[in-house]
Amino acid sequence: LNISADELTERFIRGDVSRSTEGSGLGLAIAQSLTEMQGGTFELYLDGDLFKVTIKFPIS
């Protein structure tokens, strides 16, 4: 991917615009927003052409 982890969580940004798969580029932005609204942490790691997401929620 020729994009940073921060850019991947911006709205309407797609990781690979050359792919023919559909998508709006909203999925990661929504997941990050919902996680943080509930007091969790959202971490995205780039690994070559792949990315990994770790989501953690506090136990109350």
PDB file of N, CA and C in Angstrom:
ATOM      1  N   LEU A   1       0.836  -1.173   0.000  1.00  0.00           N
ATOM      2  CA  LEU A   1       0.000   0.000   0.000  1.00  0.00           C
ATOM      3  C   LEU A   1       0.884   1.241   0.000  1.00  0.00           C
ATOM      4  N   ASN A   2       0.541   2.178  -0.807  1.00  0.00           N
ATOM      5  CA  ASN A   2       1.267   3.445  -0.857  1.00  0.00           C
ATOM      6  C   ASN A   2       0.501   4.515  -0.094  1.00  0.00           C
ATOM      7  N   ILE A   3       0.166   4.192   1.147  1.00  0.00           N
ATOM      8  CA  ILE A   3      -0.662   5.078   1.958  1.00  0.00           C
ATOM      9  C   ILE A   3      -0.300   4.840   3.419  1.00  0.00           C
ATOM     10  N   SER A   4      -0.442   5.855   4.244  1.00  0.00           N
ATOM     11  CA  SER A   4      -0.114   5.697   5.662  1.00  0.00           C
ATOM     12  C   SER A   4      -1.306   5.121   6.425  1.00  0.00           C
ATOM     13  N   ALA A   5      -1.031   4.615   7.610  1.00  0.00           N
ATOM     14  CA  ALA A   5      -2.099   4.060   8.448  1.00  0.00           C
ATOM     15  C   ALA A   5      -3.116   5.139   8.807  1.00  0.00           C
ATOM     16  N   ASP A   6      -2.650   6.357   9.055  1.00  0.00           N
ATOM     17  CA  ASP A   6      -3.571   7.454   9.384  1.00  0.00           C
ATOM     18  C   ASP A   6      -4.487   7.782   8.213  1.00  0.00           C
ATOM     19  N   GLU A   7      -3.953   7.744   7.004  1.00  0.00           N
ATOM     20  CA  GLU A   7      -4.767   8.044   5.824  1.00  0.00           C
ATOM     21  C   GLU A   7      -5.844   6.985   5.598  1.00  0.00           C
ATOM     22  N   LEU A   8      -5.552   5.730   5.942  1.00  0.00           N
ATOM     23  CA  LEU A   8      -6.526   4.653   5.740  1.00  0.00           C
ATOM     24  C   LEU A   8      -7.782   4.827   6.584  1.00  0.00           C
ATOM     25  N   THR A   9      -7.680   5.548   7.686  1.00  0.00           N
ATOM     26  CA  THR A   9      -8.852   5.736   8.538  1.00  0.00           C
ATOM     27  C   THR A   9      -9.594   7.034   8.226  1.00  0.00           C
ATOM     28  N   GLU A  10      -9.157   7.760   7.208  1.00  0.00           N
ATOM     29  CA  GLU A  10      -9.890   8.954   6.781  1.00  0.00           C
ATOM     30  C   GLU A  10     -11.081   8.529   5.931  1.00  0.00           C
ATOM     31  N   ARG A  11     -12.153   9.293   6.007  1.00  0.00           N
ATOM     32  CA  ARG A  11     -13.360   8.971   5.242  1.00  0.00           C
ATOM     33  C   ARG A  11     -13.095   9.053   3.746  1.00  0.00           C
ATOM     34  N   PHE A  12     -13.672   8.121   3.028  1.00  0.00           N
ATOM     35  CA  PHE A  12     -13.647   8.040   1.564  1.00  0.00           C
ATOM     36  C   PHE A  12     -12.264   7.738   0.977  1.00  0.00           C
ATOM     37  N   ILE A  13     -11.330   7.293   1.814  1.00  0.00           N
ATOM     38  CA  ILE A  13     -10.007   6.906   1.323  1.00  0.00           C
ATOM     39  C   ILE A  13      -9.990   5.395   1.162  1.00  0.00           C
ATOM     40  N   ARG A  14      -9.566   4.943  -0.010  1.00  0.00           N
ATOM     41  CA  ARG A  14      -9.459   3.507  -0.267  1.00  0.00           C
ATOM     42  C   ARG A  14      -7.992   3.141  -0.351  1.00  0.00           C
ATOM     43  N   GLY A  15      -7.652   1.980   0.176  1.00  0.00           N
ATOM     44  CA  GLY A  15      -6.262   1.549   0.207  1.00  0.00           C
ATOM     45  C   GLY A  15      -5.662   1.327  -1.158  1.00  0.00           C
ATOM     46  N   ASP A  16      -6.447   0.826  -2.098  1.00  0.00           N
ATOM     47  CA  ASP A  16      -5.936   0.532  -3.435  1.00  0.00           C
ATOM     48  C   ASP A  16      -7.008   0.915  -4.441  1.00  0.00           C
ATOM     49  N   VAL A  17      -6.852   2.061  -5.053  1.00  0.00           N
ATOM     50  CA  VAL A  17      -7.872   2.552  -5.982  1.00  0.00           C
ATOM     51  C   VAL A  17      -7.887   1.784  -7.293  1.00  0.00           C
ATOM     52  N   SER A  18      -6.851   0.992  -7.561  1.00  0.00           N
ATOM     53  CA  SER A  18      -6.808   0.265  -8.830  1.00  0.00           C
ATOM     54  C   SER A  18      -7.643  -1.010  -8.805  1.00  0.00           C
ATOM     55  N   ARG A  19      -8.072  -1.437  -7.631  1.00  0.00           N
ATOM     56  CA  ARG A  19      -8.866  -2.675  -7.546  1.00  0.00           C
ATOM     57  C   ARG A  19     -10.276  -2.436  -8.043  1.00  0.00           C
ATOM     58  N   SER A  20     -10.868  -3.495  -8.543  1.00  0.00           N
ATOM     59  CA  SER A  20     -12.217  -3.375  -9.090  1.00  0.00           C
ATOM     60  C   SER A  20     -13.296  -3.680  -8.051  1.00  0.00           C
ATOM     61  N   THR A  21     -12.898  -3.966  -6.815  1.00  0.00           N
ATOM     62  CA  THR A  21     -13.892  -4.254  -5.785  1.00  0.00           C
ATOM     63  C   THR A  21     -14.607  -2.974  -5.376  1.00  0.00           C
ATOM     64  N   GLU A  22     -15.854  -3.135  -5.019  1.00  0.00           N
ATOM     65  CA  GLU A  22     -16.651  -1.988  -4.617  1.00  0.00           C
ATOM     66  C   GLU A  22     -16.331  -1.602  -3.185  1.00  0.00           C
ATOM     67  N   GLY A  23     -16.621  -0.388  -2.864  1.00  0.00           N
ATOM     68  CA  GLY A  23     -16.443   0.103  -1.508  1.00  0.00           C
ATOM     69  C   GLY A  23     -16.451   1.609  -1.506  1.00  0.00           C
ATOM     70  N   SER A  24     -16.861   2.160  -0.381  1.00  0.00           N
ATOM     71  CA  SER A  24     -16.961   3.613  -0.284  1.00  0.00           C
ATOM     72  C   SER A  24     -15.777   4.237   0.434  1.00  0.00           C
ATOM     73  N   GLY A  25     -14.963   3.413   1.096  1.00  0.00           N
ATOM     74  CA  GLY A  25     -13.859   3.959   1.868  1.00  0.00           C
ATOM     75  C   GLY A  25     -14.293   4.475   3.227  1.00  0.00           C
ATOM     76  N   LEU A  26     -15.426   3.981   3.715  1.00  0.00           N
ATOM     77  CA  LEU A  26     -15.939   4.435   5.008  1.00  0.00           C
ATOM     78  C   LEU A  26     -15.755   3.417   6.131  1.00  0.00           C
ATOM     79  N   GLY A  27     -15.515   2.172   5.814  1.00  0.00           N
ATOM     80  CA  GLY A  27     -15.512   1.101   6.813  1.00  0.00           C
ATOM     81  C   GLY A  27     -14.565   1.317   7.977  1.00  0.00           C
ATOM     82  N   LEU A  28     -13.293   1.604   7.702  1.00  0.00           N
ATOM     83  CA  LEU A  28     -12.328   1.789   8.779  1.00  0.00           C
ATOM     84  C   LEU A  28     -12.601   3.061   9.570  1.00  0.00           C
ATOM     85  N   ALA A  29     -13.052   4.113   8.897  1.00  0.00           N
ATOM     86  CA  ALA A  29     -13.378   5.363   9.589  1.00  0.00           C
ATOM     87  C   ALA A  29     -14.536   5.149  10.562  1.00  0.00           C
ATOM     88  N   ILE A  30     -15.541   4.402  10.135  1.00  0.00           N
ATOM     89  CA  ILE A  30     -16.687   4.110  11.002  1.00  0.00           C
ATOM     90  C   ILE A  30     -16.256   3.237  12.173  1.00  0.00           C
ATOM     91  N   ALA A  31     -15.467   2.208  11.905  1.00  0.00           N
ATOM     92  CA  ALA A  31     -15.003   1.318  12.972  1.00  0.00           C
ATOM     93  C   ALA A  31     -14.183   2.084  14.003  1.00  0.00           C
ATOM     94  N   GLN A  32     -13.310   2.968  13.539  1.00  0.00           N
ATOM     95  CA  GLN A  32     -12.496   3.761  14.460  1.00  0.00           C
ATOM     96  C   GLN A  32     -13.373   4.696  15.294  1.00  0.00           C
ATOM     97  N   SER A  33     -14.314   5.366  14.660  1.00  0.00           N
ATOM     98  CA  SER A  33     -15.198   6.293  15.378  1.00  0.00           C
ATOM     99  C   SER A  33     -16.023   5.582  16.442  1.00  0.00           C
ATOM    100  N   LEU A  34     -16.630   4.461  16.079  1.00  0.00           N
ATOM    101  CA  LEU A  34     -17.458   3.722  17.038  1.00  0.00           C
ATOM    102  C   LEU A  34     -16.630   3.188  18.199  1.00  0.00           C
ATOM    103  N   THR A  35     -15.426   2.710  17.899  1.00  0.00           N
ATOM    104  CA  THR A  35     -14.545   2.195  18.947  1.00  0.00           C
ATOM    105  C   THR A  35     -14.186   3.293  19.933  1.00  0.00           C
ATOM    106  N   GLU A  36     -13.774   4.442  19.410  1.00  0.00           N
ATOM    107  CA  GLU A  36     -13.356   5.541  20.277  1.00  0.00           C
ATOM    108  C   GLU A  36     -14.532   6.150  21.034  1.00  0.00           C
ATOM    109  N   MET A  37     -15.724   6.162  20.441  1.00  0.00           N
ATOM    110  CA  MET A  37     -16.915   6.673  21.132  1.00  0.00           C
ATOM    111  C   MET A  37     -17.250   5.832  22.362  1.00  0.00           C
ATOM    112  N   GLN A  38     -16.869   4.561  22.327  1.00  0.00           N
ATOM    113  CA  GLN A  38     -17.159   3.658  23.440  1.00  0.00           C
ATOM    114  C   GLN A  38     -15.968   3.519  24.387  1.00  0.00           C
ATOM    115  N   GLY A  39     -14.970   4.396  24.235  1.00  0.00           N
ATOM    116  CA  GLY A  39     -13.830   4.395  25.145  1.00  0.00           C
ATOM    117  C   GLY A  39     -12.749   3.400  24.794  1.00  0.00           C
ATOM    118  N   GLY A  40     -12.815   2.817  23.612  1.00  0.00           N
ATOM    119  CA  GLY A  40     -11.820   1.845  23.192  1.00  0.00           C
ATOM    120  C   GLY A  40     -10.679   2.473  22.417  1.00  0.00           C
ATOM    121  N   THR A  41      -9.720   1.628  22.057  1.00  0.00           N
ATOM    122  CA  THR A  41      -8.605   2.081  21.230  1.00  0.00           C
ATOM    123  C   THR A  41      -8.622   1.323  19.912  1.00  0.00           C
ATOM    124  N   PHE A  42      -8.251   1.999  18.860  1.00  0.00           N
ATOM    125  CA  PHE A  42      -8.251   1.459  17.506  1.00  0.00           C
ATOM    126  C   PHE A  42      -6.850   1.662  16.954  1.00  0.00           C
ATOM    127  N   GLU A  43      -6.149   0.566  16.676  1.00  0.00           N
ATOM    128  CA  GLU A  43      -4.784   0.650  16.154  1.00  0.00           C
ATOM    129  C   GLU A  43      -4.721  -0.077  14.828  1.00  0.00           C
ATOM    130  N   LEU A  44      -4.113   0.565  13.846  1.00  0.00           N
ATOM    131  CA  LEU A  44      -3.993  -0.007  12.516  1.00  0.00           C
ATOM    132  C   LEU A  44      -2.513  -0.127  12.183  1.00  0.00           C
ATOM    133  N   TYR A  45      -2.087  -1.309  11.752  1.00  0.00           N
ATOM    134  CA  TYR A  45      -0.694  -1.572  11.413  1.00  0.00           C
ATOM    135  C   TYR A  45      -0.607  -1.982   9.954  1.00  0.00           C
ATOM    136  N   LEU A  46       0.341  -1.408   9.239  1.00  0.00           N
ATOM    137  CA  LEU A  46       0.576  -1.795   7.852  1.00  0.00           C
ATOM    138  C   LEU A  46       1.651  -2.865   7.811  1.00  0.00           C
ATOM    139  N   ASP A  47       1.413  -3.877   6.984  1.00  0.00           N
ATOM    140  CA  ASP A  47       2.361  -4.977   6.816  1.00  0.00           C
ATOM    141  C   ASP A  47       2.455  -5.277   5.326  1.00  0.00           C
ATOM    142  N   GLY A  48       3.272  -4.517   4.612  1.00  0.00           N
ATOM    143  CA  GLY A  48       3.361  -4.682   3.164  1.00  0.00           C
ATOM    144  C   GLY A  48       2.076  -4.241   2.502  1.00  0.00           C
ATOM    145  N   ASP A  49       1.447  -5.147   1.756  1.00  0.00           N
ATOM    146  CA  ASP A  49       0.191  -4.838   1.072  1.00  0.00           C
ATOM    147  C   ASP A  49      -1.035  -5.125   1.933  1.00  0.00           C
ATOM    148  N   LEU A  50      -0.811  -5.540   3.168  1.00  0.00           N
ATOM    149  CA  LEU A  50      -1.916  -5.873   4.067  1.00  0.00           C
ATOM    150  C   LEU A  50      -1.939  -4.913   5.244  1.00  0.00           C
ATOM    151  N   PHE A  51      -3.051  -4.871   5.935  1.00  0.00           N
ATOM    152  CA  PHE A  51      -3.103  -4.112   7.179  1.00  0.00           C
ATOM    153  C   PHE A  51      -3.776  -4.960   8.236  1.00  0.00           C
ATOM    154  N   LYS A  52      -3.421  -4.669   9.481  1.00  0.00           N
ATOM    155  CA  LYS A  52      -3.990  -5.371  10.627  1.00  0.00           C
ATOM    156  C   LYS A  52      -4.573  -4.332  11.571  1.00  0.00           C
ATOM    157  N   VAL A  53      -5.717  -4.650  12.139  1.00  0.00           N
ATOM    158  CA  VAL A  53      -6.386  -3.741  13.059  1.00  0.00           C
ATOM    159  C   VAL A  53      -6.522  -4.431  14.410  1.00  0.00           C
ATOM    160  N   THR A  54      -6.182  -3.694  15.468  1.00  0.00           N
ATOM    161  CA  THR A  54      -6.392  -4.167  16.830  1.00  0.00           C
ATOM    162  C   THR A  54      -7.360  -3.210  17.506  1.00  0.00           C
ATOM    163  N   ILE A  55      -8.442  -3.762  18.020  1.00  0.00           N
ATOM    164  CA  ILE A  55      -9.447  -2.969  18.725  1.00  0.00           C
ATOM    165  C   ILE A  55      -9.509  -3.482  20.156  1.00  0.00           C
ATOM    166  N   LYS A  56      -9.397  -2.558  21.111  1.00  0.00           N
ATOM    167  CA  LYS A  56      -9.455  -2.924  22.524  1.00  0.00           C
ATOM    168  C   LYS A  56     -10.512  -2.081  23.216  1.00  0.00           C
ATOM    169  N   PHE A  57     -11.288  -2.741  24.082  1.00  0.00           N
ATOM    170  CA  PHE A  57     -12.302  -2.055  24.876  1.00  0.00           C
ATOM    171  C   PHE A  57     -11.989  -2.260  26.352  1.00  0.00           C
ATOM    172  N   PRO A  58     -12.218  -1.234  27.167  1.00  0.00           N
ATOM    173  CA  PRO A  58     -11.993  -1.398  28.603  1.00  0.00           C
ATOM    174  C   PRO A  58     -13.061  -2.304  29.214  1.00  0.00           C
ATOM    175  N   ILE A  59     -12.653  -3.045  30.214  1.00  0.00           N
ATOM    176  CA  ILE A  59     -13.603  -3.895  30.941  1.00  0.00           C
ATOM    177  C   ILE A  59     -14.080  -3.103  32.147  1.00  0.00           C
ATOM    178  N   SER A  60     -15.394  -2.967  32.260  1.00  0.00           N
ATOM    179  CA  SER A  60     -15.909  -2.186  33.391  1.00  0.00           C
ATOM    180  C   SER A  60     -16.604  -3.064  34.397  1.00  0.00           C
TER     181      SER A  60
END
